[in-house]
PDB file of N, CA and C in Angstrom:
ATOM      1  N   UNK A   1       0.825  -1.193   0.000  1.00  0.00           N
ATOM      2  CA  UNK A   1       0.000   0.000   0.000  1.00  0.00           C
ATOM      3  C   UNK A   1       0.871   1.260   0.000  1.00  0.00           C
ATOM      4  N   UNK A   2       1.951   1.243   0.765  1.00  0.00           N
ATOM      5  CA  UNK A   2       2.829   2.414   0.826  1.00  0.00           C
ATOM      6  C   UNK A   2       3.457   2.696  -0.533  1.00  0.00           C
ATOM      7  N   UNK A   3       3.782   1.622  -1.282  1.00  0.00           N
ATOM      8  CA  UNK A   3       4.373   1.798  -2.612  1.00  0.00           C
ATOM      9  C   UNK A   3       3.392   2.477  -3.560  1.00  0.00           C
ATOM     10  N   UNK A   4       2.102   2.117  -3.478  1.00  0.00           N
ATOM     11  CA  UNK A   4       1.088   2.743  -4.324  1.00  0.00           C
ATOM     12  C   UNK A   4       0.947   4.223  -3.996  1.00  0.00           C
ATOM     13  N   UNK A   5       1.000   4.569  -2.737  1.00  0.00           N
ATOM     14  CA  UNK A   5       0.908   5.968  -2.323  1.00  0.00           C
ATOM     15  C   UNK A   5       2.125   6.731  -2.835  1.00  0.00           C
ATOM     16  N   UNK A   6       3.316   6.157  -2.686  1.00  0.00           N
ATOM     17  CA  UNK A   6       4.527   6.815  -3.153  1.00  0.00           C
ATOM     18  C   UNK A   6       4.486   7.018  -4.661  1.00  0.00           C
ATOM     19  N   UNK A   7       4.020   6.019  -5.396  1.00  0.00           N
ATOM     20  CA  UNK A   7       3.913   6.129  -6.846  1.00  0.00           C
ATOM     21  C   UNK A   7       2.913   7.204  -7.232  1.00  0.00           C
ATOM     22  N   UNK A   8       1.813   7.299  -6.520  1.00  0.00           N
ATOM     23  CA  UNK A   8       0.816   8.333  -6.784  1.00  0.00           C
ATOM     24  C   UNK A   8       1.393   9.720  -6.531  1.00  0.00           C
ATOM     25  N   UNK A   9       2.198   9.838  -5.467  1.00  0.00           N
ATOM     26  CA  UNK A   9       2.829  11.120  -5.154  1.00  0.00           C
ATOM     27  C   UNK A   9       3.828  11.515  -6.241  1.00  0.00           C
ATOM     28  N   UNK A  10       4.593  10.550  -6.746  1.00  0.00           N
ATOM     29  CA  UNK A  10       5.550  10.829  -7.812  1.00  0.00           C
ATOM     30  C   UNK A  10       4.807  11.277  -9.061  1.00  0.00           C
ATOM     31  N   UNK A  11       3.757  10.566  -9.427  1.00  0.00           N
ATOM     32  CA  UNK A  11       2.979  10.913 -10.608  1.00  0.00           C
ATOM     33  C   UNK A  11       2.377  12.302 -10.466  1.00  0.00           C
ATOM     34  N   UNK A  12       1.876  12.632  -9.294  1.00  0.00           N
ATOM     35  CA  UNK A  12       1.301  13.959  -9.055  1.00  0.00           C
ATOM     36  C   UNK A  12       2.379  15.039  -9.164  1.00  0.00           C
ATOM     37  N   UNK A  13       3.561  14.763  -8.633  1.00  0.00           N
ATOM     38  CA  UNK A  13       4.663  15.730  -8.719  1.00  0.00           C
ATOM     39  C   UNK A  13       5.101  15.920 -10.160  1.00  0.00           C
ATOM     40  N   UNK A  14       5.180  14.826 -10.927  1.00  0.00           N
ATOM     41  CA  UNK A  14       5.557  14.924 -12.335  1.00  0.00           C
ATOM     42  C   UNK A  14       4.514  15.718 -13.121  1.00  0.00           C
ATOM     43  N   UNK A  15       3.249  15.482 -12.834  1.00  0.00           N
ATOM     44  CA  UNK A  15       2.174  16.196 -13.520  1.00  0.00           C
ATOM     45  C   UNK A  15       2.236  17.681 -13.198  1.00  0.00           C
ATOM     46  N   UNK A  16       2.495  18.001 -11.942  1.00  0.00           N
ATOM     47  CA  UNK A  16       2.612  19.404 -11.533  1.00  0.00           C
ATOM     48  C   UNK A  16       3.812  20.062 -12.214  1.00  0.00           C
ATOM     49  N   UNK A  17       4.941  19.364 -12.259  1.00  0.00           N
ATOM     50  CA  UNK A  17       6.130  19.901 -12.911  1.00  0.00           C
ATOM     51  C   UNK A  17       5.852  20.129 -14.390  1.00  0.00           C
ATOM     52  N   UNK A  18       5.216  19.168 -15.027  1.00  0.00           N
ATOM     53  CA  UNK A  18       4.899  19.304 -16.451  1.00  0.00           C
ATOM     54  C   UNK A  18       4.015  20.517 -16.704  1.00  0.00           C
ATOM     55  N   UNK A  19       3.018  20.730 -15.868  1.00  0.00           N
ATOM     56  CA  UNK A  19       2.117  21.872 -16.085  1.00  0.00           C
ATOM     57  C   UNK A  19       2.840  23.202 -15.899  1.00  0.00           C
ATOM     58  N   UNK A  20       3.777  23.266 -14.972  1.00  0.00           N
ATOM     59  CA  UNK A  20       4.562  24.500 -14.786  1.00  0.00           C
ATOM     60  C   UNK A  20       5.516  24.695 -15.959  1.00  0.00           C
ATOM     61  N   UNK A  21       6.113  23.599 -16.430  1.00  0.00           N
ATOM     62  CA  UNK A  21       7.003  23.683 -17.585  1.00  0.00           C
ATOM     63  C   UNK A  21       6.257  24.151 -18.829  1.00  0.00           C
ATOM     64  N   UNK A  22       5.007  23.750 -18.971  1.00  0.00           N
ATOM     65  CA  UNK A  22       4.200  24.168 -20.123  1.00  0.00           C
ATOM     66  C   UNK A  22       4.067  25.682 -20.204  1.00  0.00           C
ATOM     67  N   UNK A  23       4.141  26.326 -19.059  1.00  0.00           N
ATOM     68  CA  UNK A  23       4.073  27.790 -19.020  1.00  0.00           C
ATOM     69  C   UNK A  23       5.422  28.429 -19.303  1.00  0.00           C
ATOM     70  N   UNK A  24       6.392  27.576 -19.674  1.00  0.00           N
ATOM     71  CA  UNK A  24       7.767  28.014 -20.001  1.00  0.00           C
ATOM     72  C   UNK A  24       8.411  28.759 -18.827  1.00  0.00           C
ATOM     73  N   UNK A  25       8.185  28.238 -17.645  1.00  0.00           N
ATOM     74  CA  UNK A  25       8.770  28.787 -16.428  1.00  0.00           C
ATOM     75  C   UNK A  25      10.215  28.304 -16.317  1.00  0.00           C
ATOM     76  N   UNK A  26      11.162  29.236 -16.364  1.00  0.00           N
ATOM     77  CA  UNK A  26      12.578  28.865 -16.328  1.00  0.00           C
ATOM     78  C   UNK A  26      12.989  28.263 -14.989  1.00  0.00           C
ATOM     79  N   UNK A  27      12.304  28.630 -13.920  1.00  0.00           N
ATOM     80  CA  UNK A  27      12.595  28.014 -12.620  1.00  0.00           C
ATOM     81  C   UNK A  27      12.242  26.530 -12.654  1.00  0.00           C
ATOM     82  N   UNK A  28      11.169  26.208 -13.353  1.00  0.00           N
ATOM     83  CA  UNK A  28      10.774  24.799 -13.485  1.00  0.00           C
ATOM     84  C   UNK A  28      11.811  24.037 -14.305  1.00  0.00           C
ATOM     85  N   UNK A  29      12.386  24.698 -15.311  1.00  0.00           N
ATOM     86  CA  UNK A  29      13.440  24.057 -16.098  1.00  0.00           C
ATOM     87  C   UNK A  29      14.653  23.769 -15.217  1.00  0.00           C
ATOM     88  N   UNK A  30      15.013  24.700 -14.363  1.00  0.00           N
ATOM     89  CA  UNK A  30      16.130  24.461 -13.425  1.00  0.00           C
ATOM     90  C   UNK A  30      15.793  23.314 -12.473  1.00  0.00           C
ATOM     91  N   UNK A  31      14.554  23.270 -12.029  1.00  0.00           N
ATOM     92  CA  UNK A  31      14.101  22.174 -11.157  1.00  0.00           C
ATOM     93  C   UNK A  31      14.222  20.841 -11.899  1.00  0.00           C
ATOM     94  N   UNK A  32      13.806  20.825 -13.147  1.00  0.00           N
ATOM     95  CA  UNK A  32      13.922  19.626 -13.972  1.00  0.00           C
ATOM     96  C   UNK A  32      15.387  19.198 -14.069  1.00  0.00           C
ATOM     97  N   UNK A  33      16.271  20.139 -14.329  1.00  0.00           N
ATOM     98  CA  UNK A  33      17.697  19.823 -14.432  1.00  0.00           C
ATOM     99  C   UNK A  33      18.257  19.324 -13.106  1.00  0.00           C
ATOM    100  N   UNK A  34      17.865  19.959 -12.013  1.00  0.00           N
ATOM    101  CA  UNK A  34      18.370  19.565 -10.695  1.00  0.00           C
ATOM    102  C   UNK A  34      17.883  18.175 -10.283  1.00  0.00           C
ATOM    103  N   UNK A  35      16.623  17.885 -10.538  1.00  0.00           N
ATOM    104  CA  UNK A  35      16.036  16.644 -10.040  1.00  0.00           C
ATOM    105  C   UNK A  35      16.121  15.463 -10.997  1.00  0.00           C
ATOM    106  N   UNK A  36      16.254  15.734 -12.279  1.00  0.00           N
ATOM    107  CA  UNK A  36      16.297  14.643 -13.250  1.00  0.00           C
ATOM    108  C   UNK A  36      17.621  14.578 -14.011  1.00  0.00           C
ATOM    109  N   UNK A  37      18.483  15.558 -13.812  1.00  0.00           N
ATOM    110  CA  UNK A  37      19.744  15.614 -14.547  1.00  0.00           C
ATOM    111  C   UNK A  37      20.621  14.385 -14.357  1.00  0.00           C
ATOM    112  N   UNK A  38      20.772  13.921 -13.130  1.00  0.00           N
ATOM    113  CA  UNK A  38      21.613  12.744 -12.872  1.00  0.00           C
ATOM    114  C   UNK A  38      21.041  11.486 -13.513  1.00  0.00           C
ATOM    115  N   UNK A  39      19.737  11.316 -13.418  1.00  0.00           N
ATOM    116  CA  UNK A  39      19.098  10.141 -14.016  1.00  0.00           C
ATOM    117  C   UNK A  39      19.301  10.149 -15.522  1.00  0.00           C
ATOM    118  N   UNK A  40      19.055  11.309 -16.140  1.00  0.00           N
ATOM    119  CA  UNK A  40      19.211  11.421 -17.585  1.00  0.00           C
ATOM    120  C   UNK A  40      20.664  11.245 -18.000  1.00  0.00           C
ATOM    121  N   UNK A  41      21.580  11.824 -17.213  1.00  0.00           N
ATOM    122  CA  UNK A  41      23.005  11.699 -17.520  1.00  0.00           C
ATOM    123  C   UNK A  41      23.409  10.222 -17.547  1.00  0.00           C
ATOM    124  N   UNK A  42      23.045   9.474 -16.527  1.00  0.00           N
ATOM    125  CA  UNK A  42      23.427   8.060 -16.450  1.00  0.00           C
ATOM    126  C   UNK A  42      22.762   7.234 -17.552  1.00  0.00           C
ATOM    127  N   UNK A  43      21.529   7.577 -17.880  1.00  0.00           N
ATOM    128  CA  UNK A  43      20.823   6.876 -18.954  1.00  0.00           C
ATOM    129  C   UNK A  43      21.556   7.098 -20.286  1.00  0.00           C
ATOM    130  N   UNK A  44      21.955   8.326 -20.545  1.00  0.00           N
ATOM    131  CA  UNK A  44      22.678   8.644 -21.781  1.00  0.00           C
ATOM    132  C   UNK A  44      24.069   8.027 -21.756  1.00  0.00           C
ATOM    133  N   UNK A  45      24.745   8.092 -20.618  1.00  0.00           N
ATOM    134  CA  UNK A  45      26.102   7.535 -20.507  1.00  0.00           C
ATOM    135  C   UNK A  45      26.105   6.027 -20.789  1.00  0.00           C
ATOM    136  N   UNK A  46      25.057   5.342 -20.377  1.00  0.00           N
ATOM    137  CA  UNK A  46      24.971   3.903 -20.637  1.00  0.00           C
ATOM    138  C   UNK A  46      24.884   3.598 -22.130  1.00  0.00           C
ATOM    139  N   UNK A  47      24.512   4.574 -22.917  1.00  0.00           N
ATOM    140  CA  UNK A  47      24.440   4.399 -24.365  1.00  0.00           C
ATOM    141  C   UNK A  47      25.750   4.831 -25.022  1.00  0.00           C
ATOM    142  N   UNK A  48      26.277   5.980 -24.609  1.00  0.00           N
ATOM    143  CA  UNK A  48      27.437   6.574 -25.292  1.00  0.00           C
ATOM    144  C   UNK A  48      28.792   6.185 -24.692  1.00  0.00           C
ATOM    145  N   UNK A  49      28.843   5.900 -23.419  1.00  0.00           N
ATOM    146  CA  UNK A  49      30.067   5.483 -22.726  1.00  0.00           C
ATOM    147  C   UNK A  49      31.213   6.495 -22.856  1.00  0.00           C
ATOM    148  N   UNK A  50      30.871   7.763 -22.931  1.00  0.00           N
ATOM    149  CA  UNK A  50      31.895   8.797 -23.016  1.00  0.00           C
ATOM    150  C   UNK A  50      31.336  10.076 -22.401  1.00  0.00           C
ATOM    151  N   UNK A  51      32.103  10.676 -21.480  1.00  0.00           N
ATOM    152  CA  UNK A  51      31.594  11.806 -20.705  1.00  0.00           C
ATOM    153  C   UNK A  51      31.271  13.033 -21.548  1.00  0.00           C
ATOM    154  N   UNK A  52      32.138  13.401 -22.463  1.00  0.00           N
ATOM    155  CA  UNK A  52      31.909  14.612 -23.253  1.00  0.00           C
ATOM    156  C   UNK A  52      30.675  14.454 -24.136  1.00  0.00           C
ATOM    157  N   UNK A  53      30.587  13.332 -24.836  1.00  0.00           N
ATOM    158  CA  UNK A  53      29.408  13.083 -25.671  1.00  0.00           C
ATOM    159  C   UNK A  53      28.143  13.055 -24.824  1.00  0.00           C
ATOM    160  N   UNK A  54      28.226  12.464 -23.644  1.00  0.00           N
ATOM    161  CA  UNK A  54      27.077  12.385 -22.746  1.00  0.00           C
ATOM    162  C   UNK A  54      26.631  13.777 -22.321  1.00  0.00           C
ATOM    163  N   UNK A  55      27.584  14.629 -21.978  1.00  0.00           N
ATOM    164  CA  UNK A  55      27.244  15.994 -21.558  1.00  0.00           C
ATOM    165  C   UNK A  55      26.561  16.772 -22.676  1.00  0.00           C
ATOM    166  N   UNK A  56      27.068  16.630 -23.886  1.00  0.00           N
ATOM    167  CA  UNK A  56      26.463  17.321 -25.025  1.00  0.00           C
ATOM    168  C   UNK A  56      25.061  16.771 -25.293  1.00  0.00           C
ATOM    169  N   UNK A  57      24.922  15.456 -25.268  1.00  0.00           N
ATOM    170  CA  UNK A  57      23.612  14.843 -25.502  1.00  0.00           C
ATOM    171  C   UNK A  57      22.623  15.228 -24.402  1.00  0.00           C
ATOM    172  N   UNK A  58      23.108  15.393 -23.177  1.00  0.00           N
ATOM    173  CA  UNK A  58      22.240  15.819 -22.077  1.00  0.00           C
ATOM    174  C   UNK A  58      21.717  17.232 -22.329  1.00  0.00           C
ATOM    175  N   UNK A  59      22.584  18.122 -22.783  1.00  0.00           N
ATOM    176  CA  UNK A  59      22.145  19.487 -23.122  1.00  0.00           C
ATOM    177  C   UNK A  59      21.099  19.449 -24.225  1.00  0.00           C
ATOM    178  N   UNK A  60      21.336  18.619 -25.223  1.00  0.00           N
ATOM    179  CA  UNK A  60      20.369  18.461 -26.312  1.00  0.00           C
ATOM    180  C   UNK A  60      19.049  17.903 -25.793  1.00  0.00           C
ATOM    181  N   UNK A  61      19.129  17.026 -24.810  1.00  0.00           N
ATOM    182  CA  UNK A  61      17.921  16.441 -24.227  1.00  0.00           C
ATOM    183  C   UNK A  61      17.071  17.516 -23.565  1.00  0.00           C
ATOM    184  N   UNK A  62      17.696  18.362 -22.746  1.00  0.00           N
ATOM    185  CA  UNK A  62      16.930  19.419 -22.079  1.00  0.00           C
ATOM    186  C   UNK A  62      16.356  20.401 -23.098  1.00  0.00           C
ATOM    187  N   UNK A  63      17.120  20.691 -24.131  1.00  0.00           N
ATOM    188  CA  UNK A  63      16.640  21.582 -25.186  1.00  0.00           C
ATOM    189  C   UNK A  63      15.418  20.978 -25.877  1.00  0.00           C
ATOM    190  N   UNK A  64      15.501  19.693 -26.190  1.00  0.00           N
ATOM    191  CA  UNK A  64      14.405  19.016 -26.872  1.00  0.00           C
ATOM    192  C   UNK A  64      13.174  18.916 -25.973  1.00  0.00           C
ATOM    193  N   UNK A  65      13.374  18.638 -24.696  1.00  0.00           N
ATOM    194  CA  UNK A  65      12.251  18.594 -23.749  1.00  0.00           C
ATOM    195  C   UNK A  65      11.554  19.952 -23.749  1.00  0.00           C
ATOM    196  N   UNK A  66      12.330  21.016 -23.640  1.00  0.00           N
ATOM    197  CA  UNK A  66      11.804  22.377 -23.594  1.00  0.00           C
ATOM    198  C   UNK A  66      10.991  22.685 -24.852  1.00  0.00           C
ATOM    199  N   UNK A  67      11.515  22.258 -26.013  1.00  0.00           N
ATOM    200  CA  UNK A  67      10.842  22.543 -27.279  1.00  0.00           C
ATOM    201  C   UNK A  67       9.596  21.681 -27.493  1.00  0.00           C
ATOM    202  N   UNK A  68       9.619  20.447 -26.994  1.00  0.00           N
ATOM    203  CA  UNK A  68       8.497  19.523 -27.221  1.00  0.00           C
ATOM    204  C   UNK A  68       7.360  19.668 -26.220  1.00  0.00           C
ATOM    205  N   UNK A  69       7.584  20.397 -25.155  1.00  0.00           N
ATOM    206  CA  UNK A  69       6.565  20.497 -24.108  1.00  0.00           C
ATOM    207  C   UNK A  69       5.219  20.977 -24.622  1.00  0.00           C
ATOM    208  N   UNK A  70       5.240  21.940 -25.515  1.00  0.00           N
ATOM    209  CA  UNK A  70       3.990  22.505 -25.987  1.00  0.00           C
ATOM    210  C   UNK A  70       3.269  21.660 -27.017  1.00  0.00           C
ATOM    211  N   UNK A  71       3.979  20.747 -27.663  1.00  0.00           N
ATOM    212  CA  UNK A  71       3.342  19.981 -28.733  1.00  0.00           C
ATOM    213  C   UNK A  71       3.150  18.512 -28.392  1.00  0.00           C
ATOM    214  N   UNK A  72       3.823  18.025 -27.377  1.00  0.00           N
ATOM    215  CA  UNK A  72       3.701  16.615 -26.989  1.00  0.00           C
ATOM    216  C   UNK A  72       3.379  16.523 -25.514  1.00  0.00           C
ATOM    217  N   UNK A  73       2.349  15.788 -25.210  1.00  0.00           N
ATOM    218  CA  UNK A  73       2.051  15.512 -23.806  1.00  0.00           C
ATOM    219  C   UNK A  73       2.752  14.233 -23.405  1.00  0.00           C
ATOM    220  N   UNK A  74       3.271  14.203 -22.192  1.00  0.00           N
ATOM    221  CA  UNK A  74       3.871  12.951 -21.732  1.00  0.00           C
ATOM    222  C   UNK A  74       2.837  11.831 -21.786  1.00  0.00           C
ATOM    223  N   UNK A  75       3.270  10.652 -22.153  1.00  0.00           N
ATOM    224  CA  UNK A  75       2.335   9.528 -22.241  1.00  0.00           C
ATOM    225  C   UNK A  75       1.869   9.077 -20.868  1.00  0.00           C
ATOM    226  N   UNK A  76       0.938   8.177 -20.858  1.00  0.00           N
ATOM    227  CA  UNK A  76       0.374   7.655 -19.630  1.00  0.00           C
ATOM    228  C   UNK A  76       1.414   7.107 -18.651  1.00  0.00           C
ATOM    229  N   UNK A  77       2.457   6.417 -19.103  1.00  0.00           N
ATOM    230  CA  UNK A  77       3.403   5.880 -18.122  1.00  0.00           C
ATOM    231  C   UNK A  77       4.064   6.959 -17.265  1.00  0.00           C
ATOM    232  N   UNK A  78       4.023   8.200 -17.707  1.00  0.00           N
ATOM    233  CA  UNK A  78       4.531   9.259 -16.869  1.00  0.00           C
ATOM    234  C   UNK A  78       5.592  10.118 -17.508  1.00  0.00           C
ATOM    235  N   UNK A  79       5.813  11.228 -16.860  1.00  0.00           N
ATOM    236  CA  UNK A  79       6.743  12.241 -17.329  1.00  0.00           C
ATOM    237  C   UNK A  79       8.171  11.710 -17.382  1.00  0.00           C
ATOM    238  N   UNK A  80       8.586  10.973 -16.369  1.00  0.00           N
ATOM    239  CA  UNK A  80       9.949  10.442 -16.337  1.00  0.00           C
ATOM    240  C   UNK A  80      10.206   9.531 -17.536  1.00  0.00           C
ATOM    241  N   UNK A  81       9.279   8.651 -17.840  1.00  0.00           N
ATOM    242  CA  UNK A  81       9.457   7.778 -19.008  1.00  0.00           C
ATOM    243  C   UNK A  81       9.564   8.587 -20.287  1.00  0.00           C
ATOM    244  N   UNK A  82       8.777   9.645 -20.388  1.00  0.00           N
ATOM    245  CA  UNK A  82       8.793  10.502 -21.571  1.00  0.00           C
ATOM    246  C   UNK A  82      10.160  11.161 -21.739  1.00  0.00           C
ATOM    247  N   UNK A  83      10.707  11.732 -20.660  1.00  0.00           N
ATOM    248  CA  UNK A  83      12.007  12.398 -20.790  1.00  0.00           C
ATOM    249  C   UNK A  83      13.139  11.388 -20.976  1.00  0.00           C
ATOM    250  N   UNK A  84      12.988  10.180 -20.432  1.00  0.00           N
ATOM    251  CA  UNK A  84      13.994   9.142 -20.671  1.00  0.00           C
ATOM    252  C   UNK A  84      14.019   8.730 -22.138  1.00  0.00           C
ATOM    253  N   UNK A  85      12.854   8.666 -22.759  1.00  0.00           N
ATOM    254  CA  UNK A  85      12.805   8.336 -24.192  1.00  0.00           C
ATOM    255  C   UNK A  85      13.430   9.446 -25.026  1.00  0.00           C
ATOM    256  N   UNK A  86      13.195  10.684 -24.634  1.00  0.00           N
ATOM    257  CA  UNK A  86      13.818  11.809 -25.337  1.00  0.00           C
ATOM    258  C   UNK A  86      15.332  11.736 -25.175  1.00  0.00           C
ATOM    259  N   UNK A  87      15.799  11.443 -23.975  1.00  0.00           N
ATOM    260  CA  UNK A  87      17.234  11.320 -23.718  1.00  0.00           C
ATOM    261  C   UNK A  87      17.839  10.212 -24.564  1.00  0.00           C
ATOM    262  N   UNK A  88      17.154   9.093 -24.640  1.00  0.00           N
ATOM    263  CA  UNK A  88      17.664   7.977 -25.441  1.00  0.00           C
ATOM    264  C   UNK A  88      17.722   8.353 -26.916  1.00  0.00           C
ATOM    265  N   UNK A  89      16.718   9.043 -27.393  1.00  0.00           N
ATOM    266  CA  UNK A  89      16.704   9.487 -28.783  1.00  0.00           C
ATOM    267  C   UNK A  89      17.876  10.435 -29.060  1.00  0.00           C
ATOM    268  N   UNK A  90      18.117  11.375 -28.165  1.00  0.00           N
ATOM    269  CA  UNK A  90      19.240  12.309 -28.324  1.00  0.00           C
ATOM    270  C   UNK A  90      20.570  11.567 -28.294  1.00  0.00           C
ATOM    271  N   UNK A  91      20.690  10.596 -27.408  1.00  0.00           N
ATOM    272  CA  UNK A  91      21.934   9.818 -27.320  1.00  0.00           C
ATOM    273  C   UNK A  91      22.161   9.020 -28.595  1.00  0.00           C
ATOM    274  N   UNK A  92      21.126   8.369 -29.090  1.00  0.00           N
ATOM    275  CA  UNK A  92      21.268   7.565 -30.318  1.00  0.00           C
ATOM    276  C   UNK A  92      21.607   8.457 -31.514  1.00  0.00           C
ATOM    277  N   UNK A  93      20.977   9.623 -31.590  1.00  0.00           N
ATOM    278  CA  UNK A  93      21.280  10.570 -32.670  1.00  0.00           C
ATOM    279  C   UNK A  93      22.715  11.029 -32.570  1.00  0.00           C
ATOM    280  N   UNK A  94      23.148  11.383 -31.377  1.00  0.00           N
ATOM    281  CA  UNK A  94      24.521  11.838 -31.167  1.00  0.00           C
ATOM    282  C   UNK A  94      25.512  10.719 -31.492  1.00  0.00           C
ATOM    283  N   UNK A  95      25.161   9.501 -31.128  1.00  0.00           N
ATOM    284  CA  UNK A  95      26.010   8.343 -31.403  1.00  0.00           C
ATOM    285  C   UNK A  95      26.182   8.159 -32.917  1.00  0.00           C
ATOM    286  N   UNK A  96      25.120   8.283 -33.662  1.00  0.00           N
ATOM    287  CA  UNK A  96      25.186   8.129 -35.110  1.00  0.00           C
ATOM    288  C   UNK A  96      25.977   9.255 -35.763  1.00  0.00           C
ATOM    289  N   UNK A  97      25.768  10.475 -35.293  1.00  0.00           N
ATOM    290  CA  UNK A  97      26.437  11.628 -35.896  1.00  0.00           C
ATOM    291  C   UNK A  97      27.930  11.672 -35.607  1.00  0.00           C
ATOM    292  N   UNK A  98      28.354  11.057 -34.525  1.00  0.00           N
ATOM    293  CA  UNK A  98      29.771  11.116 -34.141  1.00  0.00           C
ATOM    294  C   UNK A  98      30.501   9.806 -34.361  1.00  0.00           C
ATOM    295  N   UNK A  99      29.842   8.867 -35.020  1.00  0.00           N
ATOM    296  CA  UNK A  99      30.483   7.577 -35.299  1.00  0.00           C
ATOM    297  C   UNK A  99      31.695   7.829 -36.198  1.00  0.00           C
ATOM    298  N   UNK A 100      32.821   7.208 -35.892  1.00  0.00           N
ATOM    299  CA  UNK A 100      34.025   7.421 -36.708  1.00  0.00           C
ATOM    300  C   UNK A 100      33.796   6.987 -38.156  1.00  0.00           C
ATOM    301  N   UNK A 101      34.520   7.645 -39.035  1.00  0.00           N
ATOM    302  CA  UNK A 101      34.443   7.330 -40.462  1.00  0.00           C
ATOM    303  C   UNK A 101      34.892   5.899 -40.697  1.00  0.00           C
ATOM    304  N   UNK A 102      34.159   5.214 -41.516  1.00  0.00           N
ATOM    305  CA  UNK A 102      34.506   3.856 -41.879  1.00  0.00           C
ATOM    306  C   UNK A 102      34.270   3.675 -43.373  1.00  0.00           C
ATOM    307  N   UNK A 103      35.297   3.293 -44.136  1.00  0.00           N
ATOM    308  CA  UNK A 103      35.097   3.146 -45.576  1.00  0.00           C
ATOM    309  C   UNK A 103      33.978   2.184 -45.911  1.00  0.00           C
ATOM    310  N   UNK A 104      33.701   1.218 -45.090  1.00  0.00           N
ATOM    311  CA  UNK A 104      32.638   0.264 -45.343  1.00  0.00           C
ATOM    312  C   UNK A 104      31.254   0.878 -45.293  1.00  0.00           C
ATOM    313  N   UNK A 105      31.131   2.084 -44.720  1.00  0.00           N
ATOM    314  CA  UNK A 105      29.840   2.740 -44.630  1.00  0.00           C
ATOM    315  C   UNK A 105      29.443   3.394 -45.942  1.00  0.00           C
ATOM    316  N   UNK A 106      30.415   3.609 -46.836  1.00  0.00           N
ATOM    317  CA  UNK A 106      30.102   4.237 -48.120  1.00  0.00           C
ATOM    318  C   UNK A 106      29.606   3.188 -49.109  1.00  0.00           C
ATOM    319  N   UNK A 107      28.690   3.607 -49.921  1.00  0.00           N
ATOM    320  CA  UNK A 107      28.191   2.698 -50.960  1.00  0.00           C
ATOM    321  C   UNK A 107      29.064   2.828 -52.204  1.00  0.00           C
ATOM    322  N   UNK A 108      29.349   1.733 -52.831  1.00  0.00           N
ATOM    323  CA  UNK A 108      30.128   1.752 -54.064  1.00  0.00           C
ATOM    324  C   UNK A 108      29.263   2.283 -55.195  1.00  0.00           C
ATOM    325  N   UNK A 109      29.852   3.080 -56.104  1.00  0.00           N
ATOM    326  CA  UNK A 109      29.061   3.576 -57.226  1.00  0.00           C
ATOM    327  C   UNK A 109      28.552   2.430 -58.087  1.00  0.00           C
ATOM    328  N   UNK A 110      27.372   2.592 -58.621  1.00  0.00           N
ATOM    329  CA  UNK A 110      26.788   1.561 -59.463  1.00  0.00           C
ATOM    330  C   UNK A 110      26.715   2.058 -60.913  1.00  0.00           C
ATOM    331  N   UNK A 111      26.536   1.148 -61.819  1.00  0.00           N
ATOM    332  CA  UNK A 111      26.431   1.520 -63.226  1.00  0.00           C
ATOM    333  C   UNK A 111      27.799   1.563 -63.875  1.00  0.00           C
ATOM    334  N   UNK A 112      27.845   2.069 -65.094  1.00  0.00           N
ATOM    335  CA  UNK A 112      29.123   2.092 -65.791  1.00  0.00           C
ATOM    336  C   UNK A 112      29.788   3.426 -65.821  1.00  0.00           C
TER     337      UNK A 112
END
């Protein structure tokens, strides 16, 4: 029973944070960074395995969250899951964009 109450409190806090963020309140953005920054950092680091890339992807994550707030509502599973998916997307994009050059990645010209 205590776990259900705690989960309800977390969901209520996430919903409240989301509604304040929707108003583009910069204090709420700082709160988001303070309270979710470590979680997002570790989630991204587990994908990229490099501190500098992780830091850049984390900045991109907060930027994307800020930009998507007005057009995307967090899904039913909750705000945390929504921002974790955004973080993963930013990490995967960053991973693809910074992948070292490999001659095998180029396609050979076709035709004569």
